[in-house]
Amino acid sequence: MTGDSGDRGTGDWPMDDQDAGTPSRPPAPHPGQQGRLPQPPHAGQPYPPPRPGPPQGHRPGPPPGHPQGPPPVQGRPGQHPHWPHQPVPPAPSVAAPQRIEPQPRWGSPQEDTDPLWPGQPVHDSDAATDALPYPDHAQPPHSGAPDHSGAPDHSGAPDHDGAPDHDGAPPHSAEPDQPDPATTFTAADVLGPRRRSKKPLVIALVVLLLLGAAGGALFVPDVANRLALPWAPNAPEQPPPAPVAVSRSVTGPEEATGAPTKAGVSAALRKAASSSALGTLSGSVVDPVSGTALWQQDADKPLPPASTTKVLTSAAALLSVDHTATLTTSVVKGPEPGSVVLVAGGDPTLSAAGKGEDTLYTDAPRLDDLVKQVQQEAGNVDTVYLDTSVFQGDSSAPGWAPEDAPSTYAAPIEPVMLDGGRTDPDNDESPRIGDPAEALAKEFANRLGASVGGSSSATARDATALGEVHSAPLPTLVDDLLTESDNVLAEAVARQVALANGQPPSFEGAASATKQVLADAGFDVSGATLADGSGLSTKNAIPARLLTDVLAAAAGDPADPTTAKLRPLLAGLPVAGGSGTLLDRYGDGSPGNGWVRAKTGTLSGVNTLAGAVLTKSGRVLVFALMSSGTNPLDARPALDAVASALRGCGCR
């Protein structure tokens, strides 16, 4: 534990004195404390002062073994404090001002003390008790030890303490008359408060230690087994708890109070949609239940969609590719002994991270798994070849700037790479690699203890398989590419659309296949131009109406086959203020926080937002907003304000 240790200093605790029968000696000064020397008497008084004789009528006790009286003794607990009585002198007729000094203390069960010596500390509480009329040197009888002081008093009896007074004043010159013999005083009356003993503290600590040791012993396996404790290693398995009925019903949003109207939506958006920060704005708002377009502004005008292009790419993939499909990376035997071929399957999510380590992709396959499989099947490997024939065409799309790939947001599109071409598997902003497929081949060969033999032509279908790993299924890939706006993954999914529809697995083939799939599903794709699947190309142009048509289908009746296939599209949209590219937008005070789900899009001078919102009246509306000629720092909050206005309206 931190903080004070709990030791507050030991202080000056009283030492155990000698037994009561041992002659009394002056205690040695405490370390650091000076003993005080005897002080001279007051002027005109003899040194030492004479001790007056006993008063008339008083007879001291029998002198045991001594002709002049009893020797000085130390008091013992249990003995009467008034026997034998010592003589008490009458008050002197003339005397210099004297101080009444405290009387010697006698022992107690805890502390058999000598009379207080000069310089020995006295408790403050003694002041009151010192003023009491104590009998003169009332001491119990001694065991017979001789007096060591040897200083006789005037009565002929030896002095009891043999030590000078604290300040040299006569010990009893101002003492009152002796009290009634029937009056008695206990040791507690005289001693006052006692010093606190450490014994209770020590006992408490010992008890705590014993309790801790006993508690710890309960966790020793042998002890736990013997006592049949629940955590014992050999404890019998407990029967499972009885099943509890759980209601699977979920309380949904409030019931819709009525269909929104065009007038209501127009009134709700009038102020937000007219913001100058939006530049040139086109947009569309649709009610998925009725299919009615509630608000449109240049909705048929094709504009650069930026990353909202991913909405169309994802929709085409969900409509045309099996939802259980995965992207496979495999290894087969090579052309010569000791060689293998790494066959790319179009998966950019293969990760260099070890098992259990985080990656940016959900359920990403691990390179280590592939290495282990190959080692088990092939043993030692000398050479690794790479087959990338699954993709065709250029690795960069028309409309991409030279600095787009590699960058922190894109890499050259190749059919296999580690972590989307990133140098750090768990850092979304880490730089991408310019030759990601070759970098993977080198890393794979290095982990096998082999060398890279270069590229290989298309691998024979009957080649002996040595191992393979798989990506997550298609809906998970769609979720990742939409939530994080992953350009490389979007292009990989677009190539799967091309492959599924008989088109070349290139930028051009993927763009053509995407439009064809959407048209076949009943969407009007007129006016749409696609150059890639991610939206990074400046040559893309999409009307807002097409985006809201696709989103409305995804949010429609799940009994519809098209809607059923498109439903995962909505789940992948970022949540306002909660996830993905909307994590840092829509602050806590925004009406749209948590209620808006939308895909963002940003290029130089272009800002877009397309998604869905649940209104306060309980209605789901879909929207697409496309602005151009804007500054992103101004346009983004302006677009968010439009979507938030939809959340706050009843729109009737």
Foldseek 3Di string as FASTA:
>chain_A
DDDDPPDPDDPDDDDADDDQQDADDADDDDVVFDFDAEAAEDPPADVPHADDQADPPDDFDDAPPDPQHAAAGAADPPDFQPHRAGGADDADPDDDDDDAAAWFAHDDPVHGDGGDAARDDADPVQPVLRPDQAGDSRGDGHPRDHHPLPDAHPSRYRDNRNHADNHNYRNRNPHDDHDDPVDGDHSCSNRPDDDDDCVVVVVVVVVVVVVVVVVVVCPDQVNVVVVLPPPRPPRDDDDDDDDDDDDPDDDDADAFPDDFALVLLCVLQVVLVPDCQQADKWKWKAFLAVRDTSDTDQLFAWDQAFQLLLLLLLLLLLLQPPQQDWFKWFKFADPDQQEIETEFRQDAQEACDDPPDDFLAPPGHYLVVRLVLLCVQRNAHAEYAYEQVLADDWQDWAQADPAVAFALQAHRATRYFHCRQFPDRHDSRGTGDHDGRVVVRQVSQVVRVYYYPYYDYDDDPPTGTRDMDTGGGSLRLSLSCQQALRQNSQQSSLLVLLVSVVFHSYQVSSQVSSVVSCVVVPADFPPFDGGGSRSNGNPTIGRNVRLQVLQSLCVHDCVDPSVVSNVSNQVSFHAQCVGGPNVPHQDPPQQRHRFWGWGWRDDVQKTKIWHWGQASSGGIMTMIMIGGNHDCVSNVNSVSNSRSSRNHTSND
